[in-house]
Protein backbone atom coordinates (compact mmCIF):
# COMPACT_ATOMS: atom_id res chain seq x y z
CA MET A 1 -13.61 10.28 -32.85
CA PRO A 2 -14.02 6.62 -33.58
CA ILE A 3 -12.67 4.26 -30.63
CA THR A 4 -9.49 3.17 -30.66
CA ARG A 5 -9.14 -0.81 -30.57
CA ILE A 6 -7.04 -1.80 -27.32
CA GLU A 7 -4.19 -3.67 -29.33
CA ASP A 8 -3.77 -0.71 -31.44
CA ASN A 9 -3.23 1.74 -28.50
CA PRO A 10 0.19 2.72 -28.09
CA LEU A 11 0.68 3.04 -24.57
CA LEU A 12 -0.41 -0.72 -24.46
CA ALA A 13 -0.28 -2.26 -27.98
CA ILE A 14 3.10 -4.20 -27.43
CA ASN A 15 2.11 -6.07 -23.93
CA VAL A 16 -1.39 -6.81 -24.85
CA ARG A 17 -0.77 -7.72 -28.43
CA LEU A 18 1.56 -10.22 -26.62
CA TRP A 19 -0.40 -11.74 -23.57
CA LYS A 20 -3.62 -11.31 -26.39
CA PHE A 21 -1.41 -13.91 -28.74
CA LEU A 22 -0.87 -16.21 -25.77
CA SER A 23 -4.41 -16.15 -24.34
CA VAL A 24 -3.54 -14.56 -21.17
CA LEU A 25 -5.89 -11.33 -22.02
CA PHE A 26 -8.48 -10.66 -24.47
CA ALA A 27 -8.79 -14.23 -25.77
CA ARG A 28 -10.52 -17.29 -24.77
CA ASN A 29 -8.16 -20.05 -26.15
CA TRP A 30 -7.88 -22.28 -23.09
CA LEU A 31 -5.66 -24.53 -24.86
CA ARG A 32 -2.93 -22.49 -26.07
CA CYS A 33 -3.07 -20.67 -22.85
CA ALA A 34 -2.27 -24.44 -20.91
CA ALA A 35 0.31 -24.92 -23.69
CA PHE A 36 1.72 -21.70 -22.59
CA VAL A 37 1.92 -22.33 -18.49
CA ALA A 38 1.83 -25.83 -18.13
CA PRO A 39 5.59 -26.43 -19.01
CA VAL A 40 6.47 -24.11 -16.86
CA CYS A 41 4.74 -25.41 -13.80
CA LEU A 42 6.54 -28.67 -14.82
CA MET A 43 9.69 -27.33 -14.71
CA ASN A 44 9.24 -24.88 -11.81
CA ALA A 45 8.37 -28.31 -9.93
CA MET A 46 11.10 -30.04 -10.94
CA GLN A 47 13.36 -27.20 -9.82
CA PHE A 48 11.87 -27.24 -6.21
CA VAL A 49 13.27 -31.09 -6.48
CA TYR A 50 16.48 -30.25 -7.54
CA LEU A 51 16.74 -27.51 -4.64
CA TYR A 52 16.09 -30.42 -2.31
CA GLN A 53 19.02 -32.46 -3.58
CA GLN A 54 21.29 -29.89 -3.60
CA TRP A 55 20.60 -28.55 -0.07
CA GLY A 56 24.28 -29.03 0.99
CA ASP A 57 25.83 -27.05 -1.93
CA LEU A 58 25.16 -23.40 -0.73
CA ALA A 59 25.97 -21.35 -3.74
CA THR A 60 24.09 -23.94 -6.31
CA PHE A 61 21.29 -23.77 -3.95
CA ILE A 62 21.25 -19.89 -3.56
CA LEU A 63 21.67 -19.52 -7.30
CA ASN A 64 18.69 -22.03 -8.13
CA THR A 65 16.61 -20.68 -5.41
CA PHE A 66 16.71 -17.55 -7.24
CA PHE A 67 15.51 -19.25 -10.68
CA ALA A 68 13.07 -21.25 -8.87
CA THR A 69 11.35 -18.45 -7.34
CA SER A 70 11.77 -16.05 -10.08
CA ILE A 71 9.75 -18.54 -12.19
CA PHE A 72 7.87 -18.91 -9.61
CA ASN A 73 6.88 -15.39 -9.32
CA ALA A 74 6.05 -15.24 -13.04
CA LEU A 75 3.76 -18.12 -12.88
CA LEU A 76 1.93 -16.63 -9.98
CA ARG A 77 1.66 -13.27 -11.69
CA THR A 78 0.40 -14.76 -14.77
CA CYS A 79 -1.99 -17.14 -13.31
CA LEU A 80 -3.37 -14.03 -11.29
CA VAL A 81 -4.01 -12.08 -14.36
CA ILE A 82 -5.85 -14.87 -15.70
CA LYS A 83 -7.66 -15.62 -12.79
CA ASN A 84 -9.04 -11.74 -12.56
CA ARG A 85 -8.49 -11.25 -16.69
CA ASP A 86 -12.07 -9.34 -16.79
CA LYS A 87 -11.02 -6.91 -13.89
CA PHE A 88 -7.72 -6.31 -15.70
CA GLU A 89 -9.43 -5.77 -19.17
CA ALA A 90 -11.72 -3.44 -17.80
CA LEU A 91 -8.90 -1.32 -16.40
CA ILE A 92 -7.39 -1.43 -19.87
CA GLN A 93 -10.35 -0.45 -21.61
CA GLU A 94 -11.04 2.35 -19.23
CA LEU A 95 -7.38 3.69 -19.65
CA VAL A 96 -8.06 3.22 -23.90
CA THR A 97 -11.11 5.29 -23.32
CA MET A 98 -9.68 8.38 -21.27
CA TYR A 99 -6.75 8.37 -23.53
CA ASP A 100 -8.85 8.80 -26.42
CA ASP A 101 -10.59 11.53 -24.34
CA ILE A 102 -7.58 13.34 -24.03
CA GLU A 103 -6.97 12.84 -27.52
CA ALA A 104 -9.83 14.44 -28.95
CA THR A 105 -9.38 17.40 -26.94
CA GLY A 106 -8.03 20.80 -28.21
CA ASN A 107 -5.38 21.11 -25.27
CA ASP A 108 -2.14 20.96 -26.55
CA TYR A 109 -0.37 20.95 -23.20
CA ALA A 110 -2.51 17.54 -22.77
CA LYS A 111 -1.26 16.15 -25.71
CA ARG A 112 2.26 16.83 -25.53
CA GLU A 113 2.17 14.74 -22.16
CA LEU A 114 0.14 11.90 -23.34
CA ALA A 115 2.77 12.11 -26.30
CA ALA A 116 5.61 12.02 -23.58
CA ALA A 117 3.90 9.28 -21.59
CA THR A 118 3.22 7.03 -24.43
CA LYS A 119 7.08 7.18 -26.16
CA ALA A 120 8.48 6.86 -22.37
CA ALA A 121 5.83 3.33 -21.90
CA ARG A 122 6.86 2.28 -25.31
CA LYS A 123 10.60 2.29 -24.97
CA ILE A 124 10.32 1.06 -21.05
CA SER A 125 8.40 -2.28 -22.85
CA ILE A 126 10.72 -2.89 -25.88
CA PHE A 127 13.91 -2.76 -23.39
CA ASN A 128 12.15 -4.88 -20.65
CA LEU A 129 11.51 -7.57 -23.39
CA SER A 130 14.80 -6.86 -24.87
CA ALA A 131 16.84 -7.26 -22.03
CA SER A 132 15.15 -10.14 -20.45
CA PHE A 133 15.06 -12.06 -23.54
CA CYS A 134 19.11 -11.52 -24.10
CA ASP A 135 19.49 -12.59 -20.44
CA ILE A 136 17.37 -15.58 -20.66
CA ILE A 137 19.74 -16.32 -23.67
CA ALA A 138 22.92 -15.99 -21.91
CA ALA A 139 21.37 -18.13 -18.71
CA THR A 140 20.50 -21.03 -21.60
CA LEU A 141 23.71 -21.03 -22.93
CA PHE A 142 25.78 -20.96 -20.19
CA PRO A 143 25.77 -24.69 -19.61
CA LEU A 144 27.47 -25.09 -22.52
CA PHE A 145 30.51 -23.59 -21.52
CA GLN A 146 30.79 -25.61 -18.28
CA GLU A 147 32.82 -29.10 -17.90
CA ASN A 148 30.02 -30.73 -15.81
CA ARG A 149 26.78 -31.60 -17.08
CA ILE A 150 24.12 -29.21 -15.73
CA HIS A 151 21.01 -27.17 -16.99
CA PRO A 152 20.05 -23.75 -17.54
CA PHE A 153 17.78 -23.91 -14.84
CA GLY A 154 18.50 -26.51 -12.33
CA VAL A 155 15.85 -29.38 -12.07
CA ALA A 156 15.64 -33.00 -11.26
CA LEU A 157 13.22 -36.32 -10.84
CA PRO A 158 13.03 -38.13 -7.68
CA GLY A 159 15.04 -41.52 -8.63
CA ILE A 160 16.39 -40.28 -11.91
CA ASP A 161 19.56 -39.17 -12.87
CA VAL A 162 19.09 -36.44 -15.53
CA THR A 163 22.25 -35.67 -16.81
CA ARG A 164 22.88 -38.86 -18.23
CA SER A 165 22.15 -39.34 -21.90
CA PRO A 166 19.71 -39.04 -23.51
CA LEU A 167 17.67 -37.79 -20.96
CA TYR A 168 19.68 -34.58 -20.33
CA GLU A 169 19.41 -33.52 -24.01
CA ILE A 170 16.02 -33.94 -23.55
CA VAL A 171 15.77 -31.65 -20.92
CA TYR A 172 18.27 -29.10 -21.92
CA ILE A 173 16.21 -28.85 -25.57
CA SER A 174 12.73 -28.72 -23.82
CA GLN A 175 14.03 -25.57 -22.08
CA LEU A 176 15.37 -24.02 -24.94
CA PRO A 177 12.02 -22.21 -25.60
CA CYS A 178 12.68 -20.39 -22.14
CA PRO A 179 13.93 -17.12 -23.64
CA PHE A 180 10.19 -16.55 -25.20
CA THR A 181 8.24 -18.11 -22.68
CA LEU A 182 9.93 -16.79 -19.09
CA THR A 183 10.06 -13.35 -20.59
CA SER A 184 6.33 -13.49 -22.42
CA MET A 185 5.33 -14.56 -18.63
CA TYR A 186 7.56 -11.81 -16.39
CA MET A 187 8.18 -8.44 -18.17
CA PRO A 188 4.59 -7.49 -19.63
CA TYR A 189 3.46 -7.34 -16.11
CA VAL A 190 6.33 -5.11 -15.23
CA SER A 191 5.36 -3.13 -18.29
CA LEU A 192 1.69 -2.61 -17.70
CA PHE A 193 2.26 -1.54 -14.32
CA ALA A 194 4.28 1.51 -15.24
CA SER A 195 1.98 2.04 -18.33
CA PHE A 196 -1.02 2.07 -15.84
CA ALA A 197 0.77 4.28 -13.64
CA MET A 198 2.36 6.72 -16.38
CA PHE A 199 -1.30 7.08 -17.60
CA GLY A 200 -2.32 7.81 -14.39
CA LYS A 201 0.23 10.56 -13.65
CA VAL A 202 -0.50 12.05 -17.29
CA ALA A 203 -4.62 12.22 -16.32
CA LEU A 204 -3.81 13.97 -13.01
CA LYS A 205 -1.24 16.92 -15.12
CA VAL A 206 -3.91 16.94 -17.05
CA LEU A 207 -6.61 18.07 -14.49
CA GLN A 208 -4.19 20.53 -12.99
CA ASP A 209 -3.66 22.53 -16.08
CA ASN A 210 -7.50 22.35 -16.49
CA LEU A 211 -7.93 23.40 -13.04
CA ARG A 212 -5.50 26.21 -13.37
CA ASN A 213 -6.46 27.32 -16.50
CA LEU A 214 -10.49 27.10 -15.47
CA CYS A 215 -11.28 31.05 -14.56
CA ASP A 216 -9.20 32.21 -17.59
CA ASN A 217 -10.90 34.93 -19.53
CA MET A 218 -13.62 34.32 -16.79
CA GLN A 219 -15.41 37.61 -18.04
CA HIS A 220 -16.33 36.09 -21.14
CA LYS A 221 -18.13 33.16 -19.15
CA SER A 222 -21.40 33.19 -16.73
CA GLU A 223 -21.18 32.31 -13.36
CA MET A 224 -23.57 28.78 -14.55
CA GLU A 225 -20.38 28.01 -16.92
CA LEU A 226 -17.59 27.96 -14.31
CA PHE A 227 -19.60 26.21 -11.98
CA ASN A 228 -20.60 23.48 -14.65
CA LEU A 229 -16.71 23.46 -15.64
CA LEU A 230 -15.54 22.87 -11.80
CA ARG A 231 -18.11 20.17 -11.86
CA SER A 232 -16.71 18.72 -14.52
CA ASN A 233 -12.91 18.50 -13.03
CA ILE A 234 -14.37 17.34 -10.02
CA SER A 235 -15.91 14.31 -11.68
CA TYR A 236 -12.79 14.17 -13.60
CA HIS A 237 -10.58 13.26 -10.31
CA ALA A 238 -13.20 10.89 -9.30
CA ARG A 239 -13.14 9.15 -12.49
CA ILE A 240 -8.81 9.19 -11.99
CA SER A 241 -9.36 7.98 -8.66
CA LYS A 242 -11.55 5.02 -9.20
CA TYR A 243 -9.06 4.24 -12.23
CA VAL A 244 -6.02 4.63 -9.33
CA ASN A 245 -8.15 2.42 -7.18
CA ASP A 246 -8.88 -0.29 -9.35
CA PHE A 247 -5.31 -0.16 -10.76
CA ASN A 248 -4.32 -0.74 -6.85
CA GLU A 249 -7.08 -3.32 -6.05
CA LEU A 250 -5.43 -5.58 -9.09
CA VAL A 251 -1.63 -5.00 -7.99
CA THR A 252 -1.61 -4.68 -4.10
CA TYR A 253 -1.08 -8.40 -3.30
CA MET A 254 1.05 -9.23 -5.91
CA VAL A 255 3.27 -6.37 -5.12
CA LEU A 256 3.33 -7.16 -1.15
CA ILE A 257 4.64 -11.01 -2.25
CA GLU A 258 7.53 -9.69 -4.77
CA PHE A 259 8.68 -7.23 -1.56
CA MET A 260 8.87 -10.19 0.84
CA LEU A 261 10.77 -12.18 -1.88
CA PHE A 262 12.49 -10.05 -3.51
CA SER A 263 14.17 -8.71 -0.22
CA CYS A 264 14.82 -12.35 0.58
CA VAL A 265 16.59 -12.96 -2.51
CA ILE A 266 19.07 -10.23 -2.73
CA CYS A 267 20.17 -10.78 0.70
CA SER A 268 20.95 -14.31 -0.47
CA LEU A 269 22.45 -13.50 -3.78
CA LEU A 270 24.81 -10.97 -2.03
CA PHE A 271 25.59 -13.42 0.61
CA CYS A 272 26.37 -15.57 -2.54
CA ILE A 273 29.04 -13.53 -4.06
CA ASN A 274 30.80 -13.54 -0.81
CA ILE A 275 31.07 -17.56 -0.96
CA THR A 276 31.35 -18.27 -4.47
CA ASN A 277 34.96 -18.36 -6.08
CA SER A 278 33.76 -18.59 -9.86
CA THR A 279 34.04 -15.51 -11.49
CA ALA A 280 31.22 -16.09 -13.78
CA GLU A 281 28.89 -17.16 -11.06
CA LYS A 282 29.86 -13.51 -9.47
CA ILE A 283 28.83 -11.68 -12.98
CA SER A 284 25.78 -13.51 -13.56
CA ILE A 285 24.73 -12.31 -9.86
CA VAL A 286 25.52 -9.07 -10.04
CA MET A 287 23.29 -9.05 -13.43
CA TYR A 288 20.35 -10.99 -11.28
CA ILE A 289 20.66 -8.33 -8.29
CA GLY A 290 20.21 -5.71 -11.10
CA THR A 291 17.48 -7.50 -12.72
CA MET A 292 15.43 -7.60 -9.58
CA LEU A 293 16.53 -3.94 -8.41
CA TYR A 294 15.64 -2.40 -11.80
CA VAL A 295 12.15 -4.46 -11.70
CA LEU A 296 11.33 -3.04 -7.91
CA PHE A 297 12.82 0.63 -8.70
CA THR A 298 10.33 0.56 -11.84
CA TYR A 299 7.35 -0.21 -9.02
CA TYR A 300 8.39 2.27 -6.74
CA TRP A 301 9.10 4.92 -8.73
CA GLN A 302 6.15 4.89 -11.04
CA ALA A 303 3.93 4.24 -8.17
CA ASN A 304 5.44 7.21 -6.37
CA GLY A 305 4.70 9.46 -9.12
CA ILE A 306 1.02 9.15 -8.87
CA LEU A 307 0.86 9.90 -4.99
CA GLU A 308 2.94 13.02 -5.83
CA GLN A 309 1.20 13.80 -8.73
CA SER A 310 -2.10 13.61 -6.64
CA LEU A 311 -1.21 15.76 -3.66
CA LEU A 312 -0.77 18.69 -6.42
CA VAL A 313 -4.12 18.82 -7.50
CA SER A 314 -5.35 20.78 -4.79
CA ASP A 315 -2.56 23.37 -5.14
CA ALA A 316 -3.36 23.51 -8.81
CA ALA A 317 -7.22 24.06 -7.51
CA TYR A 318 -5.95 26.65 -5.19
CA GLU A 319 -4.21 28.38 -8.11
CA MET A 320 -7.15 29.33 -10.00
CA GLN A 321 -8.87 32.76 -9.42
CA TRP A 322 -11.41 31.51 -7.53
CA TYR A 323 -11.65 34.68 -5.27
CA LYS A 324 -13.74 36.41 -8.29
CA CYS A 325 -16.16 33.60 -8.39
CA SER A 326 -19.15 33.36 -6.79
CA GLN A 327 -19.92 31.80 -2.92
CA ARG A 328 -21.56 28.65 -4.37
CA PHE A 329 -18.22 28.21 -6.42
CA LYS A 330 -15.86 28.75 -3.48
CA ARG A 331 -17.94 26.38 -1.17
CA THR A 332 -17.60 23.62 -3.97
CA LEU A 333 -13.94 24.33 -4.57
CA LEU A 334 -13.31 24.18 -0.71
CA ILE A 335 -15.00 20.78 -0.40
CA PHE A 336 -13.13 19.31 -3.47
CA ILE A 337 -9.40 20.88 -2.12
CA GLY A 338 -10.60 18.85 1.02
CA ARG A 339 -10.71 15.86 -0.53
CA THR A 340 -8.09 16.36 -3.10
CA GLN A 341 -5.68 16.43 0.19
CA LYS A 342 -6.04 12.55 0.69
CA PRO A 343 -3.46 11.21 -2.24
CA LEU A 344 -4.10 8.69 -4.82
CA GLN A 345 -1.79 5.56 -3.53
CA ILE A 346 -0.82 2.12 -5.03
CA ARG A 347 -0.30 0.11 -1.92
CA VAL A 348 1.77 -2.61 -0.79
CA GLY A 349 -0.72 -5.18 0.46
CA GLN A 350 -3.43 -2.33 1.12
CA MET A 351 -0.96 -1.50 3.98
CA SER A 352 1.82 0.99 2.95
CA PRO A 353 1.96 3.32 0.32
CA MET A 354 4.63 1.96 -2.83
CA THR A 355 7.21 5.20 -2.14
CA MET A 356 10.48 5.63 -2.84
CA GLU A 357 11.11 5.72 1.23
CA VAL A 358 9.68 2.23 1.19
CA PHE A 359 11.79 0.89 -1.73
CA GLN A 360 15.08 2.43 0.32
CA SER A 361 13.76 0.87 3.25
CA LEU A 362 13.40 -2.81 1.46
CA LEU A 363 17.57 -1.73 0.37
CA ASN A 364 18.18 -1.65 3.95
CA SER A 365 16.49 -4.45 5.12
CA SER A 366 17.98 -6.70 2.37
CA TYR A 367 21.61 -5.32 3.25
CA SER A 368 20.83 -5.74 6.90
CA TYR A 369 19.96 -9.23 6.76
CA PHE A 370 22.97 -9.99 4.26
CA THR A 371 25.49 -8.72 6.76
CA LEU A 372 23.67 -10.86 9.93
CA LEU A 373 24.14 -13.79 7.40
CA HIS A 374 27.89 -12.70 6.26
CA ASN A 375 28.75 -12.43 9.75
CA LEU A 376 27.33 -15.70 11.02
CA TYR A 377 28.73 -17.36 8.19
CA ASN A 378 32.26 -15.88 9.04
CA ASP A 379 32.25 -16.87 12.76
């Protein structure tokens, strides 16, 4: 079977092609990459200057803190991907190779699971890009309906009034590409995270199916054939384990940063709802909180799925007709079951596994900090 080009793999095609065009991955056009990242870096620096100037206006400060930290987060993600591009590209190449291996098998169950995951991953990618683009378009158009002169993303320069013509118009026009630029920075990372995790779950489900059916029709298989089949499944588990560990190594510290960042920002936005009188701002804040919760839920739901499926491997191994096999087979299977008791995990900063329990604790922490701020403010 011919090897699929990486950008043609349906699980990854949308995001890989976008990042390849922007020279984030699989391209080494540094001029295009700099043209993509540098303007956002400049705007983000100007945002923090604006935050310093808006320190006294609490609602405005919190709202623009959300924009500044979100764009900083997108920049940090993109820069880390560029810095570790060789590792990201190696992980993607391994995924494509394993994907082609599953498609080349005659296992109908494996093909169905792979097709379902591919369809879901493509839907997530399209939804993420579309929703983010529309969200930022709304933020870009919002100043047009305000009485005061404000920019879509509050920016400032020391000693210069950016609300005076023609500087106001120049800055506004310079922010018009933001829907494309920021969407291309922020959402492909989320979508690729989901795709990596979803493929990991498919690979584990395929392994479980292979183990359950390993001893089927064993009367037509020799002891050596059964043992070799077991060894090939053990090797496949080791390959999946390496894939998940490489995936974890690439995302673990970024997930930790976002865990701390988003918990603080969600708390601040909840507080901002209580102190702002603008209905439009309240609607915007609800949308922003929803976006962050969606991103976090995507991370933790998909990562939690890998952990759950990895724990089911030992159950699948035990369900085969091992009791009819040789002593060598039984001993090897027992060692393998012991090894699979340790779950495969995506971890938050190499500390805590990404589970739905951790996601719930993040929400609880954010709400606790919000109630504390709310009570202090009212007192």
